[in-house]
Amino acid sequence: MRFQIGKAGVTDGVIESLILAFKNNKSVRISALKGSGRDREKIKEMAEEMAERLPGEYKFKVIGFTIIMRRSNIKK
């Protein structure tokens, strides 16, 4: 599944959409558009914020201007 983040950054709507996406998918690709800044450090900060705000545990990897988020398989 793929998402895009624009100039508004990580909003409540983005988080809600990611929660719905992770119900059916194990990983999601999130592309940072030009309006989001296109600064790699800012993209990493956005990925950390999303991982913190999502319920459960998620791992992420930043490749260029794309964030790849995966749901952890830790059973609680």
Foldseek 3Di string as FASTA:
>chain_A
DEEEDALVADDPVNLVVVQVVVVPDFKYKYAYDVRVPQDQVSLVVSVVVSQVPHPAGWDWDDDRRMIMIGHDPDDD
